[in-house]
Every structure is written in structure tokens, then in C-alpha cells.
Amino acid sequence: MAVPLGIFIVSMVTIVYGFRQRRSRGFLNRKSSLTRELLRPPGYQLQLRSNDLTDDLQTDLSVGITMPIVLYAAFMTHLAITPGSEFPWVIAVMFLIGWVAIEIFVIIRTSKTWNERQKVRHGLDGERAVAEELNRLMLDGARVFHDVPFTYGNIDHVVVTVSGVYAVETKMYGKLKAGETQAEVIVDHEQGRLRFPDRSVPIPEKQVETAVNWLRQYLKDAVGFEARVEGMVALPGWFIKDRIGRSHVFVFNPLNPRRFFFHDNRRILSAERIQQIAHQLDRLCRDVEPVSNEPVPQPKSK
């Protein structure tokens, strides 16, 4: 017991001493050169949630692996302390029941956490895919922001062009593994449904309307004029076969999105107003702390 403890203490002293020596030589007494926070990347909130769920999985798996060892050690310690105790099998059964109960709890919790993480990561892939397409619009002079925070959560994407301001929500839905029409969807505005080959789901009109109303009011308060804000739902990976009826919420496939955001017969925002709106959105989305704010090694000067 003394040997492992001695090795541990010597290792920790060596690490601490080496770290202090590097600091005293000036290798780590610097910080990041960035002077402001970064813009939110696509799916920022989902990425944070995925990280939290990954940490939960690691914790649960650690508990599931270490608990049998801990319980076995506790049982052996009990036998060593009370070698003359009667009915040791009773104690063994009690420890066994405790181990089984803990393992069942860990399995159930791990399964639930795993499923939630897969769902979050699926949504994260969708937001990143949509962002890749929307970012192409900046070649035509658009301004694009992602994961815009607001009172009730976040708006997945906001696009600003001469034709107006667009609040875009991304929705990811899994496909059937086989079938000729597995990638087709019908947008039924009359019933308020998205009709997929194997199911139908509601069009998230209320969610989009909430984002649009908030964004319109926020920009009006921030820039002093009311901008035209439209709500959109992006369905990455789906071919829109038909549209039934019309709605103020436009559902689209994000591939080649220019035709949805630039309208030749509608030029309502000047370059100056686009810049004003973009400035306010930039302030809203620039809240990501640089990960390299801690001291980092610097190259030696020649």
C-alpha cells in the first residue's frame, strides 16, 4: 500500500515542479491574443447539450464499471474485519442485490442518455448542413448568423439580404432505409402537416411565428425601423414533392438556397440598413468565449 502511494506523491510533486519551472521561464505567462468573444457557430446550443450528455454517459459508465469493484472490496473488508461472523452468505446476498440494483439503474439511465444524445447529434448535423448552404449566400452580399439567442431559446439561422430578413428553423427527420419515395415530403399548409412517406408531423408554425415576432421587435428597437422578417423551415435531405395551400411560413430544401432569399422584384433594404441590422445581430451572437484564453506555450524567438 505504501509503494503505490509513494509513487503517486512523487509523480504529483514532479508535475507541479515542472509546471512552475515552465512558468518561471516565461513559456506559459501569456494569454490568447483575441480581444473579443467569438460568434456562435451553427448548432452551438446543441453542441453544448451533446457535450453535457457525453459527460453524463462517461459518468454513468464509470459508475457501472467501478461499483462492482467497490462492493466486492466492501464485502471482503467486512469479512476481514469480522472473520467470525455467522451467515456470511446473507451479507453476500445483500451486496449482490445492491450491485444488481445499481447496474439496472445505470443501464436504464445510460440507454436514455444515449438515445437523447443521438437525437441531439442528429439535429446538430442538420443545423450544420443547412448552415453550409446558407453561408454560400454571403458570396452574393447576404449576412448570415447562426444560433441566434432570444427570449424563448434560439433561432437556428438568420439571413439578411436586400429582400428582407429571414428567420430559419432547421428540422431533421429520419428517412426510411428503402423505397423509391423515401426522400419525398408533401407540405400541407391546409392541414398544417408535413406528410412524409411513413408519417406526418405538424409544421412548426407557432415556433417560427414566435421567433419572427421577437426578431422583428428586437430589430425595430435596436435600429429604429421595422424590417420585414419572414419565417422559414429548412428540411435538409428531403425533396418537396408538392405544396398544398399557402402560409406565411415557407418550407424548403436548403440546397441552392439563393432563389429563396433574393427576389429581383423586391429590394427593400439598402446596404446601410443591412449593415445596421447585421451589426445588432453580431452583438447578439458574439458571446462565445475563446477556448484558448488560458496561457499557452509560445514559440522561442530566434
C-alpha atoms as a PDB file:
ATOM      1  CA  MET A   1       0.000   0.000   0.000  1.00  0.00           C
ATOM      2  CA  ALA A   2       2.872   2.366   0.809  1.00  0.00           C
ATOM      3  CA  VAL A   3       4.637   1.819  -2.535  1.00  0.00           C
ATOM      4  CA  PRO A   4       1.741   2.968  -4.819  1.00  0.00           C
ATOM      5  CA  LEU A   5       1.064   5.915  -2.514  1.00  0.00           C
ATOM      6  CA  GLY A   6       4.719   6.938  -2.649  1.00  0.00           C
ATOM      7  CA  ILE A   7       4.759   6.693  -6.452  1.00  0.00           C
ATOM      8  CA  PHE A   8       1.631   8.854  -6.642  1.00  0.00           C
ATOM      9  CA  ILE A   9       3.092  11.551  -4.368  1.00  0.00           C
ATOM     10  CA  VAL A  10       6.408  11.650  -6.263  1.00  0.00           C
ATOM     11  CA  SER A  11       4.565  11.918  -9.607  1.00  0.00           C
ATOM     12  CA  MET A  12       2.402  14.816  -8.429  1.00  0.00           C
ATOM     13  CA  VAL A  13       5.403  16.694  -6.992  1.00  0.00           C
ATOM     14  CA  THR A  14       7.298  16.241 -10.268  1.00  0.00           C
ATOM     15  CA  ILE A  15       4.384  17.529 -12.355  1.00  0.00           C
ATOM     16  CA  VAL A  16       3.809  20.585 -10.156  1.00  0.00           C
ATOM     17  CA  TYR A  17       7.531  21.407 -10.038  1.00  0.00           C
ATOM     18  CA  GLY A  18       7.862  21.084 -13.831  1.00  0.00           C
ATOM     19  CA  PHE A  19       4.833  23.302 -14.390  1.00  0.00           C
ATOM     20  CA  ARG A  20       6.207  26.033 -12.127  1.00  0.00           C
ATOM     21  CA  GLN A  21       9.576  25.859 -13.848  1.00  0.00           C
ATOM     22  CA  ARG A  22       7.948  26.402 -17.255  1.00  0.00           C
ATOM     23  CA  ARG A  23       6.001  29.387 -15.913  1.00  0.00           C
ATOM     24  CA  SER A  24       9.138  30.907 -14.409  1.00  0.00           C
ATOM     25  CA  ARG A  25      10.878  30.647 -17.798  1.00  0.00           C
ATOM     26  CA  GLY A  26       8.059  32.568 -19.482  1.00  0.00           C
ATOM     27  CA  PHE A  27       6.594  29.738 -21.577  1.00  0.00           C
ATOM     28  CA  LEU A  28       3.118  29.936 -20.044  1.00  0.00           C
ATOM     29  CA  ASN A  29       2.821  33.521 -18.830  1.00  0.00           C
ATOM     30  CA  ARG A  30       0.950  34.635 -21.934  1.00  0.00           C
ATOM     31  CA  LYS A  31      -2.705  34.598 -22.956  1.00  0.00           C
ATOM     32  CA  SER A  32      -4.691  34.482 -26.176  1.00  0.00           C
ATOM     33  CA  SER A  33      -4.274  37.470 -28.499  1.00  0.00           C
ATOM     34  CA  LEU A  34      -8.030  37.552 -29.169  1.00  0.00           C
ATOM     35  CA  THR A  35      -9.622  40.625 -27.651  1.00  0.00           C
ATOM     36  CA  ARG A  36     -13.323  39.834 -28.051  1.00  0.00           C
ATOM     37  CA  GLU A  37     -15.710  36.924 -27.925  1.00  0.00           C
ATOM     38  CA  LEU A  38     -16.482  34.797 -30.974  1.00  0.00           C
ATOM     39  CA  LEU A  39     -19.671  34.438 -32.982  1.00  0.00           C
ATOM     40  CA  ARG A  40     -21.871  31.459 -32.302  1.00  0.00           C
ATOM     41  CA  PRO A  41     -21.253  28.592 -34.742  1.00  0.00           C
ATOM     42  CA  PRO A  42     -24.135  26.570 -36.245  1.00  0.00           C
ATOM     43  CA  GLY A  43     -25.856  24.376 -33.677  1.00  0.00           C
ATOM     44  CA  TYR A  44     -23.975  25.942 -30.776  1.00  0.00           C
ATOM     45  CA  GLN A  45     -26.632  25.136 -28.169  1.00  0.00           C
ATOM     46  CA  LEU A  46     -26.988  21.578 -29.486  1.00  0.00           C
ATOM     47  CA  GLN A  47     -23.225  21.113 -29.314  1.00  0.00           C
ATOM     48  CA  LEU A  48     -23.209  22.209 -25.678  1.00  0.00           C
ATOM     49  CA  ARG A  49     -26.072  19.836 -24.942  1.00  0.00           C
ATOM     50  CA  SER A  50     -24.273  16.996 -26.719  1.00  0.00           C
ATOM     51  CA  ASN A  51     -21.148  17.668 -24.651  1.00  0.00           C
ATOM     52  CA  ASP A  52     -23.180  17.544 -21.433  1.00  0.00           C
ATOM     53  CA  LEU A  53     -24.800  14.259 -22.442  1.00  0.00           C
ATOM     54  CA  THR A  54     -21.394  12.797 -23.327  1.00  0.00           C
ATOM     55  CA  ASP A  55     -20.150  13.736 -19.861  1.00  0.00           C
ATOM     56  CA  ASP A  56     -23.230  12.082 -18.344  1.00  0.00           C
ATOM     57  CA  LEU A  57     -22.550   8.903 -20.344  1.00  0.00           C
ATOM     58  CA  GLN A  58     -18.945   8.781 -19.181  1.00  0.00           C
ATOM     59  CA  THR A  59     -20.030   9.265 -15.573  1.00  0.00           C
ATOM     60  CA  ASP A  60     -22.678   6.555 -15.791  1.00  0.00           C
ATOM     61  CA  LEU A  61     -20.288   4.095 -17.427  1.00  0.00           C
ATOM     62  CA  SER A  62     -17.665   4.836 -14.785  1.00  0.00           C
ATOM     63  CA  VAL A  63     -20.186   4.122 -12.038  1.00  0.00           C
ATOM     64  CA  GLY A  64     -21.284   0.913 -13.769  1.00  0.00           C
ATOM     65  CA  ILE A  65     -17.683  -0.303 -14.028  1.00  0.00           C
ATOM     66  CA  THR A  66     -16.396   0.737 -10.610  1.00  0.00           C
ATOM     67  CA  MET A  67     -19.389  -0.158  -8.413  1.00  0.00           C
ATOM     68  CA  PRO A  68     -18.865  -3.956  -8.629  1.00  0.00           C
ATOM     69  CA  ILE A  69     -15.246  -3.417  -7.566  1.00  0.00           C
ATOM     70  CA  VAL A  70     -16.264  -1.129  -4.703  1.00  0.00           C
ATOM     71  CA  LEU A  71     -18.950  -3.512  -3.462  1.00  0.00           C
ATOM     72  CA  TYR A  72     -16.612  -6.505  -3.695  1.00  0.00           C
ATOM     73  CA  ALA A  73     -13.945  -4.596  -1.759  1.00  0.00           C
ATOM     74  CA  ALA A  74     -16.518  -3.617   0.860  1.00  0.00           C
ATOM     75  CA  PHE A  75     -17.628  -7.248   1.190  1.00  0.00           C
ATOM     76  CA  MET A  76     -14.059  -8.532   1.552  1.00  0.00           C
ATOM     77  CA  THR A  77     -13.316  -5.778   4.073  1.00  0.00           C
ATOM     78  CA  HIS A  78     -16.342  -6.841   6.103  1.00  0.00           C
ATOM     79  CA  LEU A  79     -15.126 -10.451   6.148  1.00  0.00           C
ATOM     80  CA  ALA A  80     -11.639  -9.360   7.155  1.00  0.00           C
ATOM     81  CA  ILE A  81     -12.902  -7.175   9.986  1.00  0.00           C
ATOM     82  CA  THR A  82     -15.385  -9.746  11.328  1.00  0.00           C
ATOM     83  CA  PRO A  83     -13.837 -13.119  10.473  1.00  0.00           C
ATOM     84  CA  GLY A  84     -16.004 -14.963  12.982  1.00  0.00           C
ATOM     85  CA  SER A  85     -19.340 -13.569  11.875  1.00  0.00           C
ATOM     86  CA  GLU A  86     -22.130 -16.019  11.156  1.00  0.00           C
ATOM     87  CA  PHE A  87     -24.145 -16.290   7.957  1.00  0.00           C
ATOM     88  CA  PRO A  88     -21.649 -14.505   5.637  1.00  0.00           C
ATOM     89  CA  TRP A  89     -23.826 -15.566   2.734  1.00  0.00           C
ATOM     90  CA  VAL A  90     -26.540 -13.180   3.979  1.00  0.00           C
ATOM     91  CA  ILE A  91     -24.118 -10.281   3.674  1.00  0.00           C
ATOM     92  CA  ALA A  92     -23.046 -11.567   0.264  1.00  0.00           C
ATOM     93  CA  VAL A  93     -26.666 -11.631  -0.938  1.00  0.00           C
ATOM     94  CA  MET A  94     -27.205  -8.103   0.330  1.00  0.00           C
ATOM     95  CA  PHE A  95     -24.156  -6.847  -1.558  1.00  0.00           C
ATOM     96  CA  LEU A  96     -25.280  -8.751  -4.651  1.00  0.00           C
ATOM     97  CA  ILE A  97     -28.759  -7.207  -4.535  1.00  0.00           C
ATOM     98  CA  GLY A  98     -27.208  -3.753  -4.162  1.00  0.00           C
ATOM     99  CA  TRP A  99     -24.921  -4.367  -7.135  1.00  0.00           C
ATOM    100  CA  VAL A 100     -27.766  -5.611  -9.360  1.00  0.00           C
ATOM    101  CA  ALA A 101     -29.966  -2.635  -8.401  1.00  0.00           C
ATOM    102  CA  ILE A 102     -27.187  -0.163  -9.200  1.00  0.00           C
ATOM    103  CA  GLU A 103     -26.387  -1.851 -12.520  1.00  0.00           C
ATOM    104  CA  ILE A 104     -30.062  -1.849 -13.585  1.00  0.00           C
ATOM    105  CA  PHE A 105     -30.310   1.842 -12.731  1.00  0.00           C
ATOM    106  CA  VAL A 106     -27.111   2.592 -14.685  1.00  0.00           C
ATOM    107  CA  ILE A 107     -28.302   0.608 -17.724  1.00  0.00           C
ATOM    108  CA  ILE A 108     -31.667   2.381 -17.833  1.00  0.00           C
ATOM    109  CA  ARG A 109     -30.096   5.793 -17.351  1.00  0.00           C
ATOM    110  CA  THR A 110     -27.353   5.121 -19.910  1.00  0.00           C
ATOM    111  CA  SER A 111     -29.864   3.949 -22.507  1.00  0.00           C
ATOM    112  CA  LYS A 112     -31.989   7.068 -22.029  1.00  0.00           C
ATOM    113  CA  THR A 113     -28.974   9.379 -22.182  1.00  0.00           C
ATOM    114  CA  TRP A 114     -27.608   7.622 -25.278  1.00  0.00           C
ATOM    115  CA  ASN A 115     -30.902   7.963 -27.148  1.00  0.00           C
ATOM    116  CA  GLU A 116     -31.182  11.644 -26.254  1.00  0.00           C
ATOM    117  CA  ARG A 117     -27.614  12.288 -27.350  1.00  0.00           C
ATOM    118  CA  GLN A 118     -28.221  10.578 -30.700  1.00  0.00           C
ATOM    119  CA  LYS A 119     -31.276  12.777 -31.231  1.00  0.00           C
ATOM    120  CA  VAL A 120     -29.319  15.918 -30.352  1.00  0.00           C
ATOM    121  CA  ARG A 121     -26.432  14.962 -32.632  1.00  0.00           C
ATOM    122  CA  HIS A 122     -28.884  14.263 -35.448  1.00  0.00           C
ATOM    123  CA  GLY A 123     -30.259  17.770 -35.055  1.00  0.00           C
ATOM    124  CA  LEU A 124     -26.731  19.181 -34.874  1.00  0.00           C
ATOM    125  CA  ASP A 125     -25.859  17.558 -38.201  1.00  0.00           C
ATOM    126  CA  GLY A 126     -28.955  19.157 -39.718  1.00  0.00           C
ATOM    127  CA  GLU A 127     -28.124  22.651 -38.498  1.00  0.00           C
ATOM    128  CA  ARG A 128     -24.566  22.356 -39.749  1.00  0.00           C
ATOM    129  CA  ALA A 129     -25.715  21.108 -43.148  1.00  0.00           C
ATOM    130  CA  VAL A 130     -28.195  23.981 -43.520  1.00  0.00           C
ATOM    131  CA  ALA A 131     -25.561  26.477 -42.363  1.00  0.00           C
ATOM    132  CA  GLU A 132     -23.155  25.278 -45.058  1.00  0.00           C
ATOM    133  CA  GLU A 133     -25.744  26.067 -47.719  1.00  0.00           C
ATOM    134  CA  LEU A 134     -26.834  29.390 -46.221  1.00  0.00           C
ATOM    135  CA  ASN A 135     -23.244  30.557 -45.848  1.00  0.00           C
ATOM    136  CA  ARG A 136     -22.959  30.457 -49.648  1.00  0.00           C
ATOM    137  CA  LEU A 137     -25.363  33.385 -49.723  1.00  0.00           C
ATOM    138  CA  MET A 138     -22.624  35.633 -48.328  1.00  0.00           C
ATOM    139  CA  LEU A 139     -20.950  35.438 -51.756  1.00  0.00           C
ATOM    140  CA  ASP A 140     -23.945  37.444 -53.019  1.00  0.00           C
ATOM    141  CA  GLY A 141     -23.773  40.012 -50.240  1.00  0.00           C
ATOM    142  CA  ALA A 142     -26.040  38.396 -47.648  1.00  0.00           C
ATOM    143  CA  ARG A 143     -25.271  38.420 -43.950  1.00  0.00           C
ATOM    144  CA  VAL A 144     -25.805  35.099 -42.174  1.00  0.00           C
ATOM    145  CA  PHE A 145     -25.897  34.387 -38.434  1.00  0.00           C
ATOM    146  CA  HIS A 146     -26.399  31.099 -36.620  1.00  0.00           C
ATOM    147  CA  ASP A 147     -27.887  30.025 -33.294  1.00  0.00           C
ATOM    148  CA  VAL A 148     -29.211  33.492 -32.562  1.00  0.00           C
ATOM    149  CA  PRO A 149     -30.268  33.635 -28.870  1.00  0.00           C
ATOM    150  CA  PHE A 150     -33.606  35.115 -27.933  1.00  0.00           C
ATOM    151  CA  THR A 151     -36.070  35.132 -25.050  1.00  0.00           C
ATOM    152  CA  TYR A 152     -37.524  31.683 -25.728  1.00  0.00           C
ATOM    153  CA  GLY A 153     -34.454  29.793 -26.885  1.00  0.00           C
ATOM    154  CA  ASN A 154     -32.565  30.342 -30.111  1.00  0.00           C
ATOM    155  CA  ILE A 155     -33.232  30.921 -33.809  1.00  0.00           C
ATOM    156  CA  ASP A 156     -31.239  28.388 -35.815  1.00  0.00           C
ATOM    157  CA  HIS A 157     -30.287  30.823 -38.608  1.00  0.00           C
ATOM    158  CA  VAL A 158     -30.957  34.440 -39.549  1.00  0.00           C
ATOM    159  CA  VAL A 159     -30.295  35.653 -43.101  1.00  0.00           C
ATOM    160  CA  VAL A 160     -30.242  39.338 -44.066  1.00  0.00           C
ATOM    161  CA  THR A 161     -30.443  40.321 -47.761  1.00  0.00           C
ATOM    162  CA  VAL A 162     -31.743  43.206 -49.836  1.00  0.00           C
ATOM    163  CA  SER A 163     -35.080  41.361 -49.939  1.00  0.00           C
ATOM    164  CA  GLY A 164     -35.534  41.339 -46.163  1.00  0.00           C
ATOM    165  CA  VAL A 165     -34.695  39.415 -43.004  1.00  0.00           C
ATOM    166  CA  TYR A 166     -35.351  35.673 -42.728  1.00  0.00           C
ATOM    167  CA  ALA A 167     -35.626  33.573 -39.569  1.00  0.00           C
ATOM    168  CA  VAL A 168     -34.853  29.961 -40.464  1.00  0.00           C
ATOM    169  CA  GLU A 169     -35.586  26.941 -38.284  1.00  0.00           C
ATOM    170  CA  THR A 170     -33.982  23.607 -39.184  1.00  0.00           C
ATOM    171  CA  LYS A 171     -35.928  20.385 -38.713  1.00  0.00           C
ATOM    172  CA  MET A 172     -34.322  16.969 -39.092  1.00  0.00           C
ATOM    173  CA  TYR A 173     -36.473  13.921 -39.802  1.00  0.00           C
ATOM    174  CA  GLY A 174     -35.114  10.441 -40.453  1.00  0.00           C
ATOM    175  CA  LYS A 175     -35.778   8.619 -43.721  1.00  0.00           C
ATOM    176  CA  LEU A 176     -36.880   5.090 -44.491  1.00  0.00           C
ATOM    177  CA  LYS A 177     -33.960   2.821 -45.348  1.00  0.00           C
ATOM    178  CA  ALA A 178     -35.540   1.571 -48.574  1.00  0.00           C
ATOM    179  CA  GLY A 179     -38.123   2.665 -51.122  1.00  0.00           C
ATOM    180  CA  GLU A 180     -38.254   4.888 -54.181  1.00  0.00           C
ATOM    181  CA  THR A 181     -40.091   7.717 -52.426  1.00  0.00           C
ATOM    182  CA  GLN A 182     -38.300   7.600 -49.093  1.00  0.00           C
ATOM    183  CA  ALA A 183     -36.995  11.169 -49.564  1.00  0.00           C
ATOM    184  CA  GLU A 184     -40.260  12.848 -50.661  1.00  0.00           C
ATOM    185  CA  VAL A 185     -42.389  15.088 -48.477  1.00  0.00           C
ATOM    186  CA  ILE A 186     -45.667  16.933 -49.077  1.00  0.00           C
ATOM    187  CA  VAL A 187     -46.096  20.291 -47.374  1.00  0.00           C
ATOM    188  CA  ASP A 188     -49.787  20.505 -46.479  1.00  0.00           C
ATOM    189  CA  HIS A 189     -50.457  24.033 -45.226  1.00  0.00           C
ATOM    190  CA  GLU A 190     -54.219  23.469 -45.201  1.00  0.00           C
ATOM    191  CA  GLN A 191     -53.865  20.794 -42.533  1.00  0.00           C
ATOM    192  CA  GLY A 192     -50.676  22.255 -41.069  1.00  0.00           C
ATOM    193  CA  ARG A 193     -48.782  18.999 -41.614  1.00  0.00           C
ATOM    194  CA  LEU A 194     -45.601  17.723 -43.190  1.00  0.00           C
ATOM    195  CA  ARG A 195     -46.523  14.421 -44.857  1.00  0.00           C
ATOM    196  CA  PHE A 196     -43.610  12.006 -45.073  1.00  0.00           C
ATOM    197  CA  PRO A 197     -43.798   8.543 -46.677  1.00  0.00           C
ATOM    198  CA  ASP A 198     -44.294   6.820 -43.313  1.00  0.00           C
ATOM    199  CA  ARG A 199     -45.804   9.515 -41.091  1.00  0.00           C
ATOM    200  CA  SER A 200     -46.926  13.121 -40.798  1.00  0.00           C
ATOM    201  CA  VAL A 201     -45.835  15.776 -38.311  1.00  0.00           C
ATOM    202  CA  PRO A 202     -47.085  19.298 -37.585  1.00  0.00           C
ATOM    203  CA  ILE A 203     -45.469  22.220 -39.365  1.00  0.00           C
ATOM    204  CA  PRO A 204     -43.778  24.176 -36.524  1.00  0.00           C
ATOM    205  CA  GLU A 205     -45.646  27.367 -37.407  1.00  0.00           C
ATOM    206  CA  LYS A 206     -46.057  28.575 -33.831  1.00  0.00           C
ATOM    207  CA  GLN A 207     -42.359  28.169 -33.097  1.00  0.00           C
ATOM    208  CA  VAL A 208     -41.421  30.080 -36.251  1.00  0.00           C
ATOM    209  CA  GLU A 209     -44.003  32.817 -35.606  1.00  0.00           C
ATOM    210  CA  THR A 210     -42.651  33.336 -32.106  1.00  0.00           C
ATOM    211  CA  ALA A 211     -39.123  33.733 -33.461  1.00  0.00           C
ATOM    212  CA  VAL A 212     -40.271  36.078 -36.241  1.00  0.00           C
ATOM    213  CA  ASN A 213     -42.269  38.338 -33.891  1.00  0.00           C
ATOM    214  CA  TRP A 214     -39.432  38.570 -31.415  1.00  0.00           C
ATOM    215  CA  LEU A 215     -36.805  39.258 -34.100  1.00  0.00           C
ATOM    216  CA  ARG A 216     -38.968  41.929 -35.737  1.00  0.00           C
ATOM    217  CA  GLN A 217     -39.473  43.747 -32.436  1.00  0.00           C
ATOM    218  CA  TYR A 218     -35.834  43.392 -31.422  1.00  0.00           C
ATOM    219  CA  LEU A 219     -34.582  44.890 -34.668  1.00  0.00           C
ATOM    220  CA  LYS A 220     -37.152  47.697 -34.513  1.00  0.00           C
ATOM    221  CA  ASP A 221     -35.955  48.651 -31.025  1.00  0.00           C
ATOM    222  CA  ALA A 222     -32.294  48.297 -31.983  1.00  0.00           C
ATOM    223  CA  VAL A 223     -32.114  50.036 -35.364  1.00  0.00           C
ATOM    224  CA  GLY A 224     -35.137  52.334 -35.211  1.00  0.00           C
ATOM    225  CA  PHE A 225     -37.096  50.993 -38.181  1.00  0.00           C
ATOM    226  CA  GLU A 226     -39.295  47.954 -38.751  1.00  0.00           C
ATOM    227  CA  ALA A 227     -37.677  45.401 -41.034  1.00  0.00           C
ATOM    228  CA  ARG A 228     -39.617  42.799 -42.974  1.00  0.00           C
ATOM    229  CA  VAL A 229     -38.998  39.462 -41.237  1.00  0.00           C
ATOM    230  CA  GLU A 230     -40.165  36.164 -42.757  1.00  0.00           C
ATOM    231  CA  GLY A 231     -40.241  32.728 -41.174  1.00  0.00           C
ATOM    232  CA  MET A 232     -38.864  29.642 -42.891  1.00  0.00           C
ATOM    233  CA  VAL A 233     -38.417  25.950 -42.130  1.00  0.00           C
ATOM    234  CA  ALA A 234     -35.477  24.088 -43.672  1.00  0.00           C
ATOM    235  CA  LEU A 235     -35.789  20.338 -44.292  1.00  0.00           C
ATOM    236  CA  PRO A 236     -32.282  19.114 -45.175  1.00  0.00           C
ATOM    237  CA  GLY A 237     -32.201  15.928 -47.225  1.00  0.00           C
ATOM    238  CA  TRP A 238     -35.876  15.988 -48.299  1.00  0.00           C
ATOM    239  CA  PHE A 239     -37.372  16.560 -51.739  1.00  0.00           C
ATOM    240  CA  ILE A 240     -40.546  18.615 -51.538  1.00  0.00           C
ATOM    241  CA  LYS A 241     -42.896  16.783 -53.882  1.00  0.00           C
ATOM    242  CA  ASP A 242     -45.920  19.049 -53.536  1.00  0.00           C
ATOM    243  CA  ARG A 243     -47.281  22.033 -51.624  1.00  0.00           C
ATOM    244  CA  ILE A 244     -50.930  22.213 -50.596  1.00  0.00           C
ATOM    245  CA  GLY A 245     -52.207  25.681 -49.768  1.00  0.00           C
ATOM    246  CA  ARG A 246     -50.151  28.704 -48.734  1.00  0.00           C
ATOM    247  CA  SER A 247     -48.806  30.022 -45.447  1.00  0.00           C
ATOM    248  CA  HIS A 248     -46.621  32.809 -44.099  1.00  0.00           C
ATOM    249  CA  VAL A 249     -44.146  30.055 -43.059  1.00  0.00           C
ATOM    250  CA  PHE A 250     -42.180  28.806 -46.054  1.00  0.00           C
ATOM    251  CA  VAL A 251     -40.859  25.224 -46.031  1.00  0.00           C
ATOM    252  CA  PHE A 252     -37.889  24.492 -48.290  1.00  0.00           C
ATOM    253  CA  ASN A 253     -34.938  22.238 -49.032  1.00  0.00           C
ATOM    254  CA  PRO A 254     -31.783  24.282 -48.327  1.00  0.00           C
ATOM    255  CA  LEU A 255     -29.809  23.123 -51.369  1.00  0.00           C
ATOM    256  CA  ASN A 256     -29.080  26.041 -53.719  1.00  0.00           C
ATOM    257  CA  PRO A 257     -30.957  28.490 -51.491  1.00  0.00           C
ATOM    258  CA  ARG A 258     -30.325  31.748 -53.395  1.00  0.00           C
ATOM    259  CA  ARG A 259     -33.743  31.741 -55.078  1.00  0.00           C
ATOM    260  CA  PHE A 260     -35.462  31.745 -51.680  1.00  0.00           C
ATOM    261  CA  PHE A 261     -33.613  34.749 -50.252  1.00  0.00           C
ATOM    262  CA  PHE A 262     -33.004  37.040 -53.215  1.00  0.00           C
ATOM    263  CA  HIS A 263     -36.020  38.365 -55.134  1.00  0.00           C
ATOM    264  CA  ASP A 264     -35.290  40.566 -58.127  1.00  0.00           C
ATOM    265  CA  ASN A 265     -38.626  42.355 -57.804  1.00  0.00           C
ATOM    266  CA  ARG A 266     -38.161  43.082 -54.088  1.00  0.00           C
ATOM    267  CA  ARG A 267     -35.282  45.235 -52.921  1.00  0.00           C
ATOM    268  CA  ILE A 268     -36.360  46.802 -49.638  1.00  0.00           C
ATOM    269  CA  LEU A 269     -33.123  47.032 -47.655  1.00  0.00           C
ATOM    270  CA  SER A 270     -30.274  49.322 -48.593  1.00  0.00           C
ATOM    271  CA  ALA A 271     -26.651  48.440 -47.927  1.00  0.00           C
ATOM    272  CA  GLU A 272     -26.669  50.858 -44.981  1.00  0.00           C
ATOM    273  CA  ARG A 273     -29.709  49.240 -43.374  1.00  0.00           C
ATOM    274  CA  ILE A 274     -28.304  45.760 -43.938  1.00  0.00           C
ATOM    275  CA  GLN A 275     -25.160  46.862 -42.119  1.00  0.00           C
ATOM    276  CA  GLN A 276     -27.197  48.292 -39.241  1.00  0.00           C
ATOM    277  CA  ILE A 277     -29.161  45.062 -38.839  1.00  0.00           C
ATOM    278  CA  ALA A 278     -26.046  42.927 -39.167  1.00  0.00           C
ATOM    279  CA  HIS A 279     -24.296  44.982 -36.503  1.00  0.00           C
ATOM    280  CA  GLN A 280     -27.078  44.323 -33.992  1.00  0.00           C
ATOM    281  CA  LEU A 281     -27.168  40.602 -34.804  1.00  0.00           C
ATOM    282  CA  ASP A 282     -23.392  40.452 -34.491  1.00  0.00           C
ATOM    283  CA  ARG A 283     -23.617  41.935 -30.984  1.00  0.00           C
ATOM    284  CA  LEU A 284     -26.329  39.428 -30.099  1.00  0.00           C
ATOM    285  CA  CYS A 285     -24.435  36.373 -31.324  1.00  0.00           C
ATOM    286  CA  ARG A 286     -20.911  37.291 -30.225  1.00  0.00           C
ATOM    287  CA  ASP A 287     -20.894  35.599 -26.830  1.00  0.00           C
ATOM    288  CA  VAL A 288     -18.662  32.554 -27.271  1.00  0.00           C
ATOM    289  CA  GLU A 289     -15.626  32.624 -25.021  1.00  0.00           C
ATOM    290  CA  PRO A 290     -12.386  31.710 -26.877  1.00  0.00           C
ATOM    291  CA  VAL A 291     -11.165  28.300 -25.719  1.00  0.00           C
ATOM    292  CA  SER A 292      -7.527  29.431 -25.728  1.00  0.00           C
ATOM    293  CA  ASN A 293      -7.882  32.140 -23.097  1.00  0.00           C
ATOM    294  CA  GLU A 294      -5.731  30.088 -20.746  1.00  0.00           C
ATOM    295  CA  PRO A 295      -1.940  30.526 -21.006  1.00  0.00           C
ATOM    296  CA  VAL A 296      -0.414  28.684 -23.962  1.00  0.00           C
ATOM    297  CA  PRO A 297       3.180  27.821 -24.914  1.00  0.00           C
ATOM    298  CA  GLN A 298       4.839  30.356 -27.218  1.00  0.00           C
ATOM    299  CA  PRO A 299       7.479  29.621 -29.874  1.00  0.00           C
ATOM    300  CA  LYS A 300      11.016  30.580 -28.979  1.00  0.00           C
ATOM    301  CA  SER A 301      12.288  33.757 -30.594  1.00  0.00           C
ATOM    302  CA  LYS A 302      15.273  33.358 -32.882  1.00  0.00           C
END
